[in-house]
Amino acid sequence: MITGLLSEQKNIPCTIKVSDKFEVIFSTVVPCTAGIMREWDRQLLEERAIARAGGVYTHDEPALITLNKKTKDSYEVVDLYVFYNDFGWCPVIKDREYAVPNQFWDSDEEDPDYIPKK
């Protein structure tokens, strides 16, 4: 999957594309390279990365990833950050574990009088 010394770099620019599978696209690599995340949990992902409405992908976002080579054809995700215009870089995986979820919006579950900002 990874060409050259890319797997030795930190914070590699990529795009995540999630449908029924979790793809990581490395478009800055020549030739363009992609990988499939084999072990992932949709619920844990969605607590840390906002799903979008419509289309083939629930997530199609710019990201930064750091990998650790395990075998000739497999890599472990050390860190994964997804970027959102409203929130900046949001950690999904830190130090090989799912990161603490961000609270993206105020919740009306905690405050019955909550009125969203316009």
Protein backbone atom coordinates (compact mmCIF):
# COMPACT_ATOMS: atom_id res chain seq x y z
CA MET A 1 0.00 0.00 0.00
CA ILE A 2 2.57 2.62 1.06
CA THR A 3 5.30 3.68 -1.31
CA GLY A 4 8.78 4.90 -0.43
CA LEU A 5 9.40 6.09 3.10
CA LEU A 6 5.85 7.34 3.59
CA SER A 7 5.13 4.89 6.41
CA GLU A 8 7.99 6.46 8.39
CA GLN A 9 6.39 9.93 8.26
CA LYS A 10 4.06 11.47 10.83
CA ASN A 11 0.81 13.25 10.01
CA ILE A 12 0.54 12.08 6.41
CA PRO A 13 -2.10 14.07 4.47
CA CYS A 14 -4.95 11.85 3.31
CA THR A 15 -8.70 11.70 2.81
CA ILE A 16 -10.96 9.31 4.66
CA LYS A 17 -13.95 7.89 2.79
CA VAL A 18 -16.37 5.81 4.83
CA SER A 19 -19.31 3.84 3.45
CA ASP A 20 -19.68 0.16 4.33
CA LYS A 21 -15.87 0.17 4.28
CA PHE A 22 -13.31 2.65 5.61
CA GLU A 23 -10.94 3.85 2.89
CA VAL A 24 -7.84 6.00 3.37
CA ILE A 25 -6.75 7.79 0.19
CA PHE A 26 -3.21 9.17 -0.13
CA SER A 27 -3.60 11.57 -3.06
CA THR A 28 -0.29 13.37 -2.41
CA VAL A 29 1.58 10.13 -3.17
CA VAL A 30 2.64 9.32 -6.74
CA PRO A 31 1.02 7.12 -7.79
CA CYS A 32 -2.13 7.84 -5.76
CA THR A 33 -2.38 5.13 -3.11
CA ALA A 34 -5.28 3.83 -1.03
CA GLY A 35 -5.79 1.46 1.85
CA ILE A 36 -8.72 -0.17 3.62
CA MET A 37 -9.09 0.00 7.40
CA ARG A 38 -9.91 -3.56 8.48
CA GLU A 39 -10.67 -3.20 12.19
CA TRP A 40 -12.84 -0.20 12.99
CA ASP A 41 -16.04 0.55 14.86
CA ARG A 42 -18.64 2.80 13.20
CA GLN A 43 -20.15 3.97 16.49
CA LEU A 44 -16.75 4.92 17.93
CA LEU A 45 -15.86 6.69 14.67
CA GLU A 46 -19.11 8.67 14.61
CA GLU A 47 -18.59 9.82 18.21
CA ARG A 48 -15.33 11.43 17.03
CA ALA A 49 -16.01 12.37 13.39
CA ILE A 50 -19.20 14.01 12.11
CA ALA A 51 -21.19 12.01 9.58
CA ARG A 52 -22.46 13.96 6.57
CA ALA A 53 -25.89 13.61 5.00
CA GLY A 54 -26.46 12.06 1.59
CA GLY A 55 -24.17 10.49 -0.95
CA VAL A 56 -22.25 7.25 -1.00
CA TYR A 57 -19.98 8.17 1.92
CA THR A 58 -20.99 9.09 5.48
CA HIS A 59 -17.52 10.58 5.87
CA ASP A 60 -15.42 12.10 3.06
CA GLU A 61 -12.99 14.35 4.90
CA PRO A 62 -9.40 15.61 4.80
CA ALA A 63 -7.29 13.93 7.46
CA LEU A 64 -3.80 13.41 8.86
CA ILE A 65 -2.65 9.88 9.66
CA THR A 66 0.44 8.35 11.25
CA LEU A 67 1.04 4.65 10.56
CA ASN A 68 3.22 1.90 11.97
CA LYS A 69 4.18 -0.93 9.59
CA LYS A 70 3.14 -4.31 11.03
CA THR A 71 3.74 -6.66 8.08
CA LYS A 72 4.56 -6.29 4.38
CA ASP A 73 0.95 -5.38 3.60
CA SER A 74 -0.55 -4.18 6.89
CA TYR A 75 -0.22 -1.06 9.00
CA GLU A 76 -1.41 0.02 12.42
CA VAL A 77 -2.99 3.45 12.80
CA VAL A 78 -1.03 5.36 15.44
CA ASP A 79 -2.84 8.71 15.04
CA LEU A 80 -5.75 9.91 12.91
CA TYR A 81 -7.09 13.47 12.85
CA VAL A 82 -10.02 14.65 10.72
CA PHE A 83 -10.47 18.30 9.71
CA TYR A 84 -13.74 20.27 9.87
CA ASN A 85 -14.08 23.96 9.01
CA ASP A 86 -16.10 24.64 12.17
CA PHE A 87 -13.97 22.62 14.61
CA GLY A 88 -10.45 22.34 13.18
CA TRP A 89 -8.47 19.11 13.60
CA CYS A 90 -10.45 16.53 15.60
CA PRO A 91 -8.65 13.48 16.99
CA VAL A 92 -10.18 10.13 16.08
CA ILE A 93 -7.25 7.90 17.09
CA LYS A 94 -4.41 8.95 19.40
CA ASP A 95 -1.58 6.65 20.41
CA ARG A 96 -3.27 3.63 18.77
CA GLU A 97 -6.55 4.06 20.71
CA TYR A 98 -9.79 5.87 19.95
CA ALA A 99 -9.43 9.42 21.26
CA VAL A 100 -11.72 11.05 23.81
CA PRO A 101 -14.78 12.22 21.82
CA ASN A 102 -15.21 15.94 21.16
CA GLN A 103 -18.49 17.62 22.00
CA PHE A 104 -19.23 19.23 18.66
CA TRP A 105 -22.38 21.11 19.69
CA ASP A 106 -24.09 22.07 22.91
CA SER A 107 -26.64 19.48 23.90
CA ASP A 108 -30.25 20.20 24.80
CA GLU A 109 -30.29 16.95 26.80
CA GLU A 110 -28.32 18.73 29.53
CA ASP A 111 -30.38 21.93 29.44
CA PRO A 112 -34.12 21.78 28.65
CA ASP A 113 -34.13 25.57 28.04
CA TYR A 114 -31.28 25.36 25.50
CA ILE A 115 -31.86 27.44 22.35
CA PRO A 116 -29.38 26.93 19.49
CA LYS A 117 -27.45 30.02 18.32
CA LYS A 118 -28.57 31.36 14.95
